[in-house]
Amino acid sequence: MKIRAIGVSNFHMDRLVDLIIHNEVTPAINQIETHPFLQQVESQSLMQEHNVQIQSWAPFAEGKNDLFQNEVLVSIAKQGRMSPMSNIQDKVVIITGASSGIGEATAKELASKGAKLVLAARREDRLKKMHEEIEKNGGKAVYKVTDVTSSEQMEELAQYALSEFGKIDVMVNNAGLMPLSLLFEKKIKEWDTMVDVNIKGVLYGIAAVLPSMRERKSGHIINVSSIAGHVVGPSTAVYSATKFAVRALTEGLRQEEVANNIRTTIISPGSVTSELTETISGEQLKSMIKEGYKIAIDAENIARAIAYAIEQPNDVAVNEMIIRPTVQQL
């Protein structure tokens, strides 16, 4: 929700906060960021009491005594932070693997910034719960149960987004699995599953949205790789191969589509709190990997990186980011 206040001669901070409070808006914002001059305003305590956040404001004109002679923009939300100047506002974003982890965190982050979301995953109960939560908090979202290993279902997902919102601005290919194992164990079904989800799923996502993006000469495809797409270790050979492939696919896509103004971004997370380790079938290896994941950072950190890439001006492409815990060595 946004409140727009136009400064007049006697408009001051107390009036502004009073306006917000009497509209019975009580946003759940944990951190209040204010300009230093607000420390001198009596309403500072009211802002803290009611969790009101001033997110941006126009500098007052030279020679004017009223702090609010120029337009003041106040953006408040019932959950999270929403920037009124964000380039994310009203963008249509498809997110695969949206039911948990990075996908779930990204959905909530982008919803708080005004994106229109199309959530995709296999678990309908989680999608329904997320949809209800986002809508309750003032966001806009729809969902569709989707298996990324099916090219037909991915095409249907893209068509669903177009039928609901008329366009696709961003595709976040996030769905992925990490059933690590040593090669000699010959867990061939797990290898096949990783190839199907981590590589083919990304390819099918690209193929589904590219025609409409090329037609509009506008779009952004974000593919989630991994730190394992940069380094290989014992038990990560197949998983790393799939994530190296994601990076190669994304760079090839970038070179092919620059003339069509389609941006690409590779996101390579390090240890992040998610369900990835649950797909490891070997109990001893799973225990060892989970021990290493004690340093994991929250998925919200990756979500903010994705939001950062999306909200850049249309002539700027953030092509690759590695995000990991400060204390993670590899």
C-alpha atoms as a PDB file:
ATOM      1  CA  MET A   1       0.000   0.000   0.000  1.00  0.00           C
ATOM      2  CA  LYS A   2       1.230   3.516  -0.783  1.00  0.00           C
ATOM      3  CA  ILE A   3       0.325   6.858   0.750  1.00  0.00           C
ATOM      4  CA  ARG A   4       1.261   9.870  -1.334  1.00  0.00           C
ATOM      5  CA  ALA A   5       1.416  13.204   0.471  1.00  0.00           C
ATOM      6  CA  ILE A   6       1.890  16.477  -1.398  1.00  0.00           C
ATOM      7  CA  GLY A   7       3.652  19.053   0.718  1.00  0.00           C
ATOM      8  CA  VAL A   8       1.888  22.326   1.408  1.00  0.00           C
ATOM      9  CA  SER A   9       2.971  25.302   3.461  1.00  0.00           C
ATOM     10  CA  ASN A  10       1.999  23.916   6.874  1.00  0.00           C
ATOM     11  CA  PHE A  11       2.369  20.195   6.180  1.00  0.00           C
ATOM     12  CA  HIS A  12       4.784  18.665   8.681  1.00  0.00           C
ATOM     13  CA  MET A  13       5.832  15.313  10.027  1.00  0.00           C
ATOM     14  CA  ASP A  14       3.219  15.148  12.787  1.00  0.00           C
ATOM     15  CA  ARG A  15       0.478  15.586  10.180  1.00  0.00           C
ATOM     16  CA  LEU A  16       2.027  12.924   7.968  1.00  0.00           C
ATOM     17  CA  VAL A  17       2.250  10.308  10.719  1.00  0.00           C
ATOM     18  CA  ASP A  18      -1.233  11.233  11.922  1.00  0.00           C
ATOM     19  CA  LEU A  19      -2.527  10.597   8.405  1.00  0.00           C
ATOM     20  CA  ILE A  20      -0.962   7.148   8.316  1.00  0.00           C
ATOM     21  CA  ILE A  21      -2.161   6.159  11.776  1.00  0.00           C
ATOM     22  CA  HIS A  22      -5.741   7.319  11.206  1.00  0.00           C
ATOM     23  CA  ASN A  23      -5.905   5.244   8.064  1.00  0.00           C
ATOM     24  CA  GLU A  24      -5.545   2.344  10.482  1.00  0.00           C
ATOM     25  CA  VAL A  25      -2.439   1.037   8.774  1.00  0.00           C
ATOM     26  CA  THR A  26      -0.148  -0.911  11.084  1.00  0.00           C
ATOM     27  CA  PRO A  27       2.569  -2.388   8.881  1.00  0.00           C
ATOM     28  CA  ALA A  28       4.839  -5.095  10.275  1.00  0.00           C
ATOM     29  CA  ILE A  29       8.172  -3.554   9.409  1.00  0.00           C
ATOM     30  CA  ASN A  30      11.040  -4.526  11.668  1.00  0.00           C
ATOM     31  CA  GLN A  31      13.504  -1.786  10.793  1.00  0.00           C
ATOM     32  CA  ILE A  32      12.809   1.928  10.538  1.00  0.00           C
ATOM     33  CA  GLU A  33      15.210   3.847   8.323  1.00  0.00           C
ATOM     34  CA  THR A  34      14.917   7.613   8.547  1.00  0.00           C
ATOM     35  CA  HIS A  35      16.788  10.690   7.507  1.00  0.00           C
ATOM     36  CA  PRO A  36      18.819  12.346  10.325  1.00  0.00           C
ATOM     37  CA  PHE A  37      16.512  15.360  10.418  1.00  0.00           C
ATOM     38  CA  LEU A  38      13.668  13.132  11.575  1.00  0.00           C
ATOM     39  CA  GLN A  39      15.463  12.577  14.863  1.00  0.00           C
ATOM     40  CA  GLN A  40      14.372  16.087  15.792  1.00  0.00           C
ATOM     41  CA  VAL A  41      10.716  15.484  15.037  1.00  0.00           C
ATOM     42  CA  GLU A  42       8.289  14.598  17.824  1.00  0.00           C
ATOM     43  CA  SER A  43       6.602  12.066  15.578  1.00  0.00           C
ATOM     44  CA  GLN A  44       9.664   9.826  15.656  1.00  0.00           C
ATOM     45  CA  SER A  45       8.269   7.978  18.681  1.00  0.00           C
ATOM     46  CA  LEU A  46       4.904   7.565  16.949  1.00  0.00           C
ATOM     47  CA  MET A  47       6.657   6.174  13.886  1.00  0.00           C
ATOM     48  CA  GLN A  48       8.399   3.585  15.987  1.00  0.00           C
ATOM     49  CA  GLU A  49       5.246   2.712  17.919  1.00  0.00           C
ATOM     50  CA  HIS A  50       3.252   2.129  14.732  1.00  0.00           C
ATOM     51  CA  ASN A  51       6.118   0.633  12.675  1.00  0.00           C
ATOM     52  CA  VAL A  52       5.961   3.349  10.015  1.00  0.00           C
ATOM     53  CA  GLN A  53       8.885   3.546   7.616  1.00  0.00           C
ATOM     54  CA  ILE A  54       9.837   6.560   5.515  1.00  0.00           C
ATOM     55  CA  GLN A  55      11.401   4.924   2.464  1.00  0.00           C
ATOM     56  CA  SER A  56      12.084   7.939   0.273  1.00  0.00           C
ATOM     57  CA  TRP A  57      11.521  11.677   0.207  1.00  0.00           C
ATOM     58  CA  ALA A  58      12.235  14.614  -2.060  1.00  0.00           C
ATOM     59  CA  PRO A  59      14.776  17.200  -0.844  1.00  0.00           C
ATOM     60  CA  PHE A  60      13.057  20.450   0.017  1.00  0.00           C
ATOM     61  CA  ALA A  61      13.619  23.306  -2.383  1.00  0.00           C
ATOM     62  CA  GLU A  62      16.321  25.855  -1.643  1.00  0.00           C
ATOM     63  CA  GLY A  63      14.933  28.896   0.070  1.00  0.00           C
ATOM     64  CA  LYS A  64      11.866  27.084   1.405  1.00  0.00           C
ATOM     65  CA  ASN A  65      11.385  26.729   5.154  1.00  0.00           C
ATOM     66  CA  ASP A  66       8.923  23.844   5.034  1.00  0.00           C
ATOM     67  CA  LEU A  67      10.541  20.423   4.974  1.00  0.00           C
ATOM     68  CA  PHE A  68       7.598  19.117   2.957  1.00  0.00           C
ATOM     69  CA  GLN A  69       7.290  21.890   0.367  1.00  0.00           C
ATOM     70  CA  ASN A  70       8.167  19.313  -2.282  1.00  0.00           C
ATOM     71  CA  GLU A  71       6.482  15.970  -2.819  1.00  0.00           C
ATOM     72  CA  VAL A  72       7.072  13.358  -0.108  1.00  0.00           C
ATOM     73  CA  LEU A  73       6.673   9.709  -0.965  1.00  0.00           C
ATOM     74  CA  VAL A  74       5.803   7.323   1.836  1.00  0.00           C
ATOM     75  CA  SER A  75       5.657   3.635   1.095  1.00  0.00           C
ATOM     76  CA  ILE A  76       4.361   1.249   3.717  1.00  0.00           C
ATOM     77  CA  ALA A  77       3.498  -2.421   3.635  1.00  0.00           C
ATOM     78  CA  LYS A  78       1.910  -4.871   6.015  1.00  0.00           C
ATOM     79  CA  GLN A  79       4.916  -7.101   5.611  1.00  0.00           C
ATOM     80  CA  GLY A  80       8.429  -6.442   4.335  1.00  0.00           C
ATOM     81  CA  ARG A  81       9.662  -3.319   2.582  1.00  0.00           C
ATOM     82  CA  MET A  82       8.317  -1.916  -0.664  1.00  0.00           C
ATOM     83  CA  SER A  83      10.242   0.739  -2.565  1.00  0.00           C
ATOM     84  CA  PRO A  84       8.002   3.229  -4.376  1.00  0.00           C
ATOM     85  CA  MET A  85      10.683   3.823  -7.001  1.00  0.00           C
ATOM     86  CA  SER A  86      11.394   0.148  -7.668  1.00  0.00           C
ATOM     87  CA  ASN A  87      11.737  -1.069 -11.247  1.00  0.00           C
ATOM     88  CA  ILE A  88      10.062  -4.272 -10.018  1.00  0.00           C
ATOM     89  CA  GLN A  89       6.639  -2.658  -9.592  1.00  0.00           C
ATOM     90  CA  ASP A  90       4.035  -4.342 -11.836  1.00  0.00           C
ATOM     91  CA  LYS A  91       6.539  -6.666 -13.511  1.00  0.00           C
ATOM     92  CA  VAL A  92       5.171 -10.139 -14.215  1.00  0.00           C
ATOM     93  CA  VAL A  93       7.527 -12.732 -12.756  1.00  0.00           C
ATOM     94  CA  ILE A  94       7.363 -16.516 -13.067  1.00  0.00           C
ATOM     95  CA  ILE A  95       9.193 -18.417 -10.314  1.00  0.00           C
ATOM     96  CA  THR A  96       9.763 -22.169 -10.458  1.00  0.00           C
ATOM     97  CA  GLY A  97      10.530 -24.093  -7.297  1.00  0.00           C
ATOM     98  CA  ALA A  98       8.441 -21.457  -5.544  1.00  0.00           C
ATOM     99  CA  SER A  99       7.118 -23.633  -2.729  1.00  0.00           C
ATOM    100  CA  SER A 100      10.183 -23.453  -0.462  1.00  0.00           C
ATOM    101  CA  GLY A 101      13.700 -22.137   0.052  1.00  0.00           C
ATOM    102  CA  ILE A 102      15.037 -19.562  -2.381  1.00  0.00           C
ATOM    103  CA  GLY A 103      11.889 -19.675  -4.517  1.00  0.00           C
ATOM    104  CA  GLU A 104       9.595 -18.951  -1.594  1.00  0.00           C
ATOM    105  CA  ALA A 105      11.831 -16.178  -0.262  1.00  0.00           C
ATOM    106  CA  THR A 106      12.090 -14.610  -3.717  1.00  0.00           C
ATOM    107  CA  ALA A 107       8.326 -14.661  -4.158  1.00  0.00           C
ATOM    108  CA  LYS A 108       7.803 -12.826  -0.883  1.00  0.00           C
ATOM    109  CA  GLU A 109      10.551 -10.305  -1.617  1.00  0.00           C
ATOM    110  CA  LEU A 110       9.261  -9.479  -5.086  1.00  0.00           C
ATOM    111  CA  ALA A 111       5.643  -9.350  -3.911  1.00  0.00           C
ATOM    112  CA  SER A 112       6.645  -6.765  -1.319  1.00  0.00           C
ATOM    113  CA  LYS A 113       8.070  -4.661  -4.158  1.00  0.00           C
ATOM    114  CA  GLY A 114       4.920  -4.788  -6.249  1.00  0.00           C
ATOM    115  CA  ALA A 115       5.622  -7.602  -8.715  1.00  0.00           C
ATOM    116  CA  LYS A 116       2.816  -9.718 -10.153  1.00  0.00           C
ATOM    117  CA  LEU A 117       3.808 -13.303  -9.484  1.00  0.00           C
ATOM    118  CA  VAL A 118       3.153 -16.625 -11.178  1.00  0.00           C
ATOM    119  CA  LEU A 119       4.209 -19.289  -8.676  1.00  0.00           C
ATOM    120  CA  ALA A 120       5.119 -22.760  -9.930  1.00  0.00           C
ATOM    121  CA  ALA A 121       6.020 -25.942  -8.061  1.00  0.00           C
ATOM    122  CA  ARG A 122       4.759 -29.512  -7.633  1.00  0.00           C
ATOM    123  CA  ARG A 123       3.313 -29.142  -4.117  1.00  0.00           C
ATOM    124  CA  GLU A 124      -0.078 -27.519  -4.457  1.00  0.00           C
ATOM    125  CA  ASP A 125      -0.701 -27.221  -0.711  1.00  0.00           C
ATOM    126  CA  ARG A 126       2.364 -25.014  -0.307  1.00  0.00           C
ATOM    127  CA  LEU A 127       1.579 -22.971  -3.391  1.00  0.00           C
ATOM    128  CA  LYS A 128      -1.942 -22.342  -2.133  1.00  0.00           C
ATOM    129  CA  LYS A 129      -0.646 -21.267   1.281  1.00  0.00           C
ATOM    130  CA  MET A 130       1.900 -18.895  -0.275  1.00  0.00           C
ATOM    131  CA  HIS A 131      -0.702 -17.445  -2.612  1.00  0.00           C
ATOM    132  CA  GLU A 132      -3.031 -16.721   0.289  1.00  0.00           C
ATOM    133  CA  GLU A 133      -0.250 -15.136   2.339  1.00  0.00           C
ATOM    134  CA  ILE A 134       0.885 -12.883  -0.494  1.00  0.00           C
ATOM    135  CA  GLU A 135      -2.650 -11.761  -1.307  1.00  0.00           C
ATOM    136  CA  LYS A 136      -3.399 -11.144   2.375  1.00  0.00           C
ATOM    137  CA  ASN A 137      -0.396  -8.840   2.569  1.00  0.00           C
ATOM    138  CA  GLY A 138      -1.511  -6.790  -0.406  1.00  0.00           C
ATOM    139  CA  GLY A 139       0.500  -8.554  -3.098  1.00  0.00           C
ATOM    140  CA  LYS A 140      -0.623 -10.030  -6.392  1.00  0.00           C
ATOM    141  CA  ALA A 141      -0.019 -13.682  -7.264  1.00  0.00           C
ATOM    142  CA  VAL A 142      -1.437 -16.691  -9.039  1.00  0.00           C
ATOM    143  CA  TYR A 143      -0.105 -20.224  -9.020  1.00  0.00           C
ATOM    144  CA  LYS A 144       0.008 -23.322 -11.192  1.00  0.00           C
ATOM    145  CA  VAL A 145       1.150 -26.801 -10.214  1.00  0.00           C
ATOM    146  CA  THR A 146       4.046 -27.524 -12.571  1.00  0.00           C
ATOM    147  CA  ASP A 147       6.692 -30.195 -13.082  1.00  0.00           C
ATOM    148  CA  VAL A 148       9.705 -28.516 -14.693  1.00  0.00           C
ATOM    149  CA  THR A 149      10.815 -31.823 -16.235  1.00  0.00           C
ATOM    150  CA  SER A 150       7.818 -31.629 -18.568  1.00  0.00           C
ATOM    151  CA  SER A 151       8.264 -29.290 -21.517  1.00  0.00           C
ATOM    152  CA  GLU A 152       4.496 -29.379 -22.064  1.00  0.00           C
ATOM    153  CA  GLN A 153       3.783 -28.227 -18.508  1.00  0.00           C
ATOM    154  CA  MET A 154       6.357 -25.436 -18.783  1.00  0.00           C
ATOM    155  CA  GLU A 155       4.722 -24.228 -22.004  1.00  0.00           C
ATOM    156  CA  GLU A 156       1.364 -24.307 -20.224  1.00  0.00           C
ATOM    157  CA  LEU A 157       2.859 -22.301 -17.366  1.00  0.00           C
ATOM    158  CA  ALA A 158       4.033 -19.569 -19.727  1.00  0.00           C
ATOM    159  CA  GLN A 159       0.657 -19.461 -21.457  1.00  0.00           C
ATOM    160  CA  TYR A 160      -1.051 -19.246 -18.078  1.00  0.00           C
ATOM    161  CA  ALA A 161       1.083 -16.220 -17.160  1.00  0.00           C
ATOM    162  CA  LEU A 162       0.208 -14.564 -20.465  1.00  0.00           C
ATOM    163  CA  SER A 163      -3.499 -15.253 -20.050  1.00  0.00           C
ATOM    164  CA  GLU A 164      -3.520 -13.874 -16.498  1.00  0.00           C
ATOM    165  CA  PHE A 165      -1.295 -10.817 -16.931  1.00  0.00           C
ATOM    166  CA  GLY A 166      -0.754 -10.315 -20.669  1.00  0.00           C
ATOM    167  CA  LYS A 167       3.032 -10.441 -20.573  1.00  0.00           C
ATOM    168  CA  ILE A 168       6.077 -12.094 -18.994  1.00  0.00           C
ATOM    169  CA  ASP A 169       8.800  -9.743 -17.797  1.00  0.00           C
ATOM    170  CA  VAL A 170      10.971 -12.105 -15.759  1.00  0.00           C
ATOM    171  CA  MET A 171      11.522 -15.854 -15.582  1.00  0.00           C
ATOM    172  CA  VAL A 172      13.274 -17.208 -12.497  1.00  0.00           C
ATOM    173  CA  ASN A 173      14.385 -20.773 -13.166  1.00  0.00           C
ATOM    174  CA  ASN A 174      14.977 -21.792  -9.570  1.00  0.00           C
ATOM    175  CA  ALA A 175      13.798 -25.406  -9.267  1.00  0.00           C
ATOM    176  CA  GLY A 176      16.670 -27.750  -8.496  1.00  0.00           C
ATOM    177  CA  LEU A 177      17.776 -30.902  -6.679  1.00  0.00           C
ATOM    178  CA  MET A 178      21.069 -31.899  -5.035  1.00  0.00           C
ATOM    179  CA  PRO A 179      21.224 -35.675  -4.417  1.00  0.00           C
ATOM    180  CA  LEU A 180      25.000 -35.811  -3.959  1.00  0.00           C
ATOM    181  CA  SER A 181      26.842 -39.128  -4.176  1.00  0.00           C
ATOM    182  CA  LEU A 182      30.208 -40.610  -5.121  1.00  0.00           C
ATOM    183  CA  LEU A 183      30.439 -41.744  -8.737  1.00  0.00           C
ATOM    184  CA  PHE A 184      31.371 -45.343  -7.916  1.00  0.00           C
ATOM    185  CA  GLU A 185      28.024 -45.735  -6.138  1.00  0.00           C
ATOM    186  CA  LYS A 186      26.344 -45.605  -9.575  1.00  0.00           C
ATOM    187  CA  LYS A 187      23.176 -43.846  -8.418  1.00  0.00           C
ATOM    188  CA  ILE A 188      22.074 -43.546 -12.002  1.00  0.00           C
ATOM    189  CA  LYS A 189      18.428 -42.687 -11.272  1.00  0.00           C
ATOM    190  CA  GLU A 190      19.605 -39.771  -9.152  1.00  0.00           C
ATOM    191  CA  TRP A 191      21.911 -38.622 -11.946  1.00  0.00           C
ATOM    192  CA  ASP A 192      19.006 -38.759 -14.403  1.00  0.00           C
ATOM    193  CA  THR A 193      16.779 -36.803 -12.024  1.00  0.00           C
ATOM    194  CA  MET A 194      19.387 -34.068 -11.604  1.00  0.00           C
ATOM    195  CA  VAL A 195      19.865 -33.766 -15.351  1.00  0.00           C
ATOM    196  CA  ASP A 196      16.101 -33.638 -15.883  1.00  0.00           C
ATOM    197  CA  VAL A 197      15.424 -30.994 -13.218  1.00  0.00           C
ATOM    198  CA  ASN A 198      18.627 -28.940 -13.092  1.00  0.00           C
ATOM    199  CA  ILE A 199      19.382 -28.787 -16.819  1.00  0.00           C
ATOM    200  CA  LYS A 200      16.299 -29.724 -18.818  1.00  0.00           C
ATOM    201  CA  GLY A 201      14.043 -27.828 -16.426  1.00  0.00           C
ATOM    202  CA  VAL A 202      16.034 -24.653 -17.073  1.00  0.00           C
ATOM    203  CA  LEU A 203      16.019 -25.283 -20.833  1.00  0.00           C
ATOM    204  CA  TYR A 204      12.274 -25.833 -20.858  1.00  0.00           C
ATOM    205  CA  GLY A 205      11.777 -22.636 -18.851  1.00  0.00           C
ATOM    206  CA  ILE A 206      13.877 -20.642 -21.296  1.00  0.00           C
ATOM    207  CA  ALA A 207      12.070 -22.144 -24.293  1.00  0.00           C
ATOM    208  CA  ALA A 208       8.644 -21.406 -22.809  1.00  0.00           C
ATOM    209  CA  VAL A 209       9.147 -17.681 -22.235  1.00  0.00           C
ATOM    210  CA  LEU A 210      11.566 -16.730 -24.998  1.00  0.00           C
ATOM    211  CA  PRO A 211       9.047 -16.338 -27.848  1.00  0.00           C
ATOM    212  CA  SER A 212       6.962 -13.723 -26.024  1.00  0.00           C
ATOM    213  CA  MET A 213      10.066 -11.906 -24.782  1.00  0.00           C
ATOM    214  CA  ARG A 214      11.539 -11.807 -28.285  1.00  0.00           C
ATOM    215  CA  GLU A 215       8.259 -10.502 -29.657  1.00  0.00           C
ATOM    216  CA  ARG A 216       8.218  -7.678 -27.095  1.00  0.00           C
ATOM    217  CA  LYS A 217      12.006  -7.209 -27.331  1.00  0.00           C
ATOM    218  CA  SER A 218      12.075  -7.124 -23.584  1.00  0.00           C
ATOM    219  CA  GLY A 219      12.604  -9.636 -20.816  1.00  0.00           C
ATOM    220  CA  HIS A 220      14.854 -11.016 -18.130  1.00  0.00           C
ATOM    221  CA  ILE A 221      15.770 -14.672 -17.534  1.00  0.00           C
ATOM    222  CA  ILE A 222      17.348 -15.503 -14.182  1.00  0.00           C
ATOM    223  CA  ASN A 223      18.833 -18.964 -13.748  1.00  0.00           C
ATOM    224  CA  VAL A 224      19.863 -20.261 -10.349  1.00  0.00           C
ATOM    225  CA  SER A 225      23.160 -22.125 -10.518  1.00  0.00           C
ATOM    226  CA  SER A 226      25.349 -22.756  -7.459  1.00  0.00           C
ATOM    227  CA  ILE A 227      28.808 -22.288  -6.039  1.00  0.00           C
ATOM    228  CA  ALA A 228      29.097 -25.904  -7.221  1.00  0.00           C
ATOM    229  CA  GLY A 229      28.869 -24.470 -10.725  1.00  0.00           C
ATOM    230  CA  HIS A 230      32.264 -22.881 -10.090  1.00  0.00           C
ATOM    231  CA  VAL A 231      34.111 -25.524  -8.061  1.00  0.00           C
ATOM    232  CA  VAL A 232      33.922 -29.320  -7.891  1.00  0.00           C
ATOM    233  CA  GLY A 233      34.478 -31.573  -4.884  1.00  0.00           C
ATOM    234  CA  PRO A 234      34.099 -35.214  -3.933  1.00  0.00           C
ATOM    235  CA  SER A 235      30.432 -36.272  -4.262  1.00  0.00           C
ATOM    236  CA  THR A 236      29.474 -33.146  -6.248  1.00  0.00           C
ATOM    237  CA  ALA A 237      30.611 -34.301  -9.699  1.00  0.00           C
ATOM    238  CA  VAL A 238      27.179 -34.774 -11.279  1.00  0.00           C
ATOM    239  CA  TYR A 239      25.537 -31.930  -9.380  1.00  0.00           C
ATOM    240  CA  SER A 240      28.404 -29.608 -10.324  1.00  0.00           C
ATOM    241  CA  ALA A 241      28.114 -30.729 -13.948  1.00  0.00           C
ATOM    242  CA  THR A 242      24.455 -29.655 -13.992  1.00  0.00           C
ATOM    243  CA  LYS A 243      25.250 -26.304 -12.423  1.00  0.00           C
ATOM    244  CA  PHE A 244      28.181 -25.643 -14.748  1.00  0.00           C
ATOM    245  CA  ALA A 245      25.716 -26.379 -17.534  1.00  0.00           C
ATOM    246  CA  VAL A 246      23.287 -23.763 -16.185  1.00  0.00           C
ATOM    247  CA  ARG A 247      26.028 -21.151 -16.347  1.00  0.00           C
ATOM    248  CA  ALA A 248      26.986 -22.183 -19.892  1.00  0.00           C
ATOM    249  CA  LEU A 249      23.372 -22.094 -21.045  1.00  0.00           C
ATOM    250  CA  THR A 250      22.821 -18.668 -19.523  1.00  0.00           C
ATOM    251  CA  GLU A 251      25.933 -17.166 -21.083  1.00  0.00           C
ATOM    252  CA  GLY A 252      25.005 -18.604 -24.466  1.00  0.00           C
ATOM    253  CA  LEU A 253      21.511 -17.174 -24.080  1.00  0.00           C
ATOM    254  CA  ARG A 254      22.949 -13.775 -23.199  1.00  0.00           C
ATOM    255  CA  GLN A 255      25.056 -13.669 -26.355  1.00  0.00           C
ATOM    256  CA  GLU A 256      22.179 -14.818 -28.548  1.00  0.00           C
ATOM    257  CA  GLU A 257      19.576 -12.399 -27.217  1.00  0.00           C
ATOM    258  CA  VAL A 258      21.404  -9.127 -26.576  1.00  0.00           C
ATOM    259  CA  ALA A 259      19.959  -7.711 -29.794  1.00  0.00           C
ATOM    260  CA  ASN A 260      16.472  -8.426 -28.466  1.00  0.00           C
ATOM    261  CA  ASN A 261      17.098  -6.528 -25.236  1.00  0.00           C
ATOM    262  CA  ILE A 262      16.679  -9.677 -23.132  1.00  0.00           C
ATOM    263  CA  ARG A 263      18.712  -9.634 -19.941  1.00  0.00           C
ATOM    264  CA  THR A 264      20.191 -12.721 -18.288  1.00  0.00           C
ATOM    265  CA  THR A 265      21.431 -13.299 -14.765  1.00  0.00           C
ATOM    266  CA  ILE A 266      23.222 -16.253 -13.184  1.00  0.00           C
ATOM    267  CA  ILE A 267      22.717 -16.583  -9.421  1.00  0.00           C
ATOM    268  CA  SER A 268      25.245 -18.858  -7.701  1.00  0.00           C
ATOM    269  CA  PRO A 269      24.409 -19.388  -4.022  1.00  0.00           C
ATOM    270  CA  GLY A 270      26.764 -20.932  -1.524  1.00  0.00           C
ATOM    271  CA  SER A 271      25.419 -22.601   1.622  1.00  0.00           C
ATOM    272  CA  VAL A 272      21.822 -21.476   2.002  1.00  0.00           C
ATOM    273  CA  THR A 273      19.089 -22.711   4.306  1.00  0.00           C
ATOM    274  CA  SER A 274      16.811 -24.837   2.127  1.00  0.00           C
ATOM    275  CA  GLU A 275      15.565 -28.367   1.519  1.00  0.00           C
ATOM    276  CA  LEU A 276      18.411 -29.261  -0.865  1.00  0.00           C
ATOM    277  CA  THR A 277      20.265 -31.498   1.568  1.00  0.00           C
ATOM    278  CA  GLU A 278      17.120 -33.592   2.097  1.00  0.00           C
ATOM    279  CA  THR A 279      17.523 -35.050  -1.405  1.00  0.00           C
ATOM    280  CA  ILE A 280      20.818 -36.759  -0.461  1.00  0.00           C
ATOM    281  CA  SER A 281      20.068 -40.477  -0.091  1.00  0.00           C
ATOM    282  CA  GLY A 282      23.293 -41.564   1.625  1.00  0.00           C
ATOM    283  CA  GLU A 283      22.806 -41.001   5.343  1.00  0.00           C
ATOM    284  CA  GLN A 284      26.514 -40.658   6.156  1.00  0.00           C
ATOM    285  CA  LEU A 285      27.086 -38.132   3.367  1.00  0.00           C
ATOM    286  CA  LYS A 286      23.892 -36.287   4.259  1.00  0.00           C
ATOM    287  CA  SER A 287      25.055 -35.959   7.862  1.00  0.00           C
ATOM    288  CA  MET A 288      28.431 -34.624   6.742  1.00  0.00           C
ATOM    289  CA  ILE A 289      26.909 -32.102   4.327  1.00  0.00           C
ATOM    290  CA  LYS A 290      24.398 -30.923   6.934  1.00  0.00           C
ATOM    291  CA  GLU A 291      27.264 -30.317   9.333  1.00  0.00           C
ATOM    292  CA  GLY A 292      28.863 -28.064   6.728  1.00  0.00           C
ATOM    293  CA  TYR A 293      25.543 -26.276   6.254  1.00  0.00           C
ATOM    294  CA  LYS A 294      25.548 -24.994   9.816  1.00  0.00           C
ATOM    295  CA  ILE A 295      27.080 -21.808   8.414  1.00  0.00           C
ATOM    296  CA  ALA A 296      24.258 -21.439   5.881  1.00  0.00           C
ATOM    297  CA  ILE A 297      22.707 -18.025   5.329  1.00  0.00           C
ATOM    298  CA  ASP A 298      18.968 -17.467   5.026  1.00  0.00           C
ATOM    299  CA  ALA A 299      17.302 -17.747   1.626  1.00  0.00           C
ATOM    300  CA  GLU A 300      16.137 -14.133   1.974  1.00  0.00           C
ATOM    301  CA  ASN A 301      19.699 -13.050   1.189  1.00  0.00           C
ATOM    302  CA  ILE A 302      19.505 -14.712  -2.214  1.00  0.00           C
ATOM    303  CA  ALA A 303      16.050 -13.246  -2.761  1.00  0.00           C
ATOM    304  CA  ARG A 304      17.407  -9.737  -2.255  1.00  0.00           C
ATOM    305  CA  ALA A 305      20.167 -10.429  -4.796  1.00  0.00           C
ATOM    306  CA  ILE A 306      17.576 -11.546  -7.332  1.00  0.00           C
ATOM    307  CA  ALA A 307      15.505  -8.438  -6.624  1.00  0.00           C
ATOM    308  CA  TYR A 308      18.609  -6.289  -7.084  1.00  0.00           C
ATOM    309  CA  ALA A 309      19.217  -7.748 -10.546  1.00  0.00           C
ATOM    310  CA  ILE A 310      15.599  -7.201 -11.589  1.00  0.00           C
ATOM    311  CA  GLU A 311      15.276  -3.645 -10.344  1.00  0.00           C
ATOM    312  CA  GLN A 312      18.227  -2.275 -12.307  1.00  0.00           C
ATOM    313  CA  PRO A 313      17.409   0.147 -15.148  1.00  0.00           C
ATOM    314  CA  ASN A 314      16.436  -1.627 -18.347  1.00  0.00           C
ATOM    315  CA  ASP A 315      19.751  -0.780 -20.015  1.00  0.00           C
ATOM    316  CA  VAL A 316      21.743  -2.452 -17.216  1.00  0.00           C
ATOM    317  CA  ALA A 317      22.235  -6.218 -16.942  1.00  0.00           C
ATOM    318  CA  VAL A 318      23.652  -7.867 -13.825  1.00  0.00           C
ATOM    319  CA  ASN A 319      24.908 -11.024 -15.507  1.00  0.00           C
ATOM    320  CA  GLU A 320      26.300 -13.031 -12.631  1.00  0.00           C
ATOM    321  CA  MET A 321      26.408 -13.029  -8.843  1.00  0.00           C
ATOM    322  CA  ILE A 322      27.945 -15.374  -6.266  1.00  0.00           C
ATOM    323  CA  ILE A 323      26.364 -15.073  -2.824  1.00  0.00           C
ATOM    324  CA  ARG A 324      27.655 -17.156   0.072  1.00  0.00           C
ATOM    325  CA  PRO A 325      28.298 -16.959   3.806  1.00  0.00           C
ATOM    326  CA  THR A 326      31.231 -14.748   4.695  1.00  0.00           C
ATOM    327  CA  VAL A 327      32.875 -17.671   6.499  1.00  0.00           C
ATOM    328  CA  GLN A 328      32.405 -20.195   3.674  1.00  0.00           C
ATOM    329  CA  GLN A 329      35.826 -21.078   2.298  1.00  0.00           C
ATOM    330  CA  LEU A 330      34.804 -22.751  -0.973  1.00  0.00           C
END
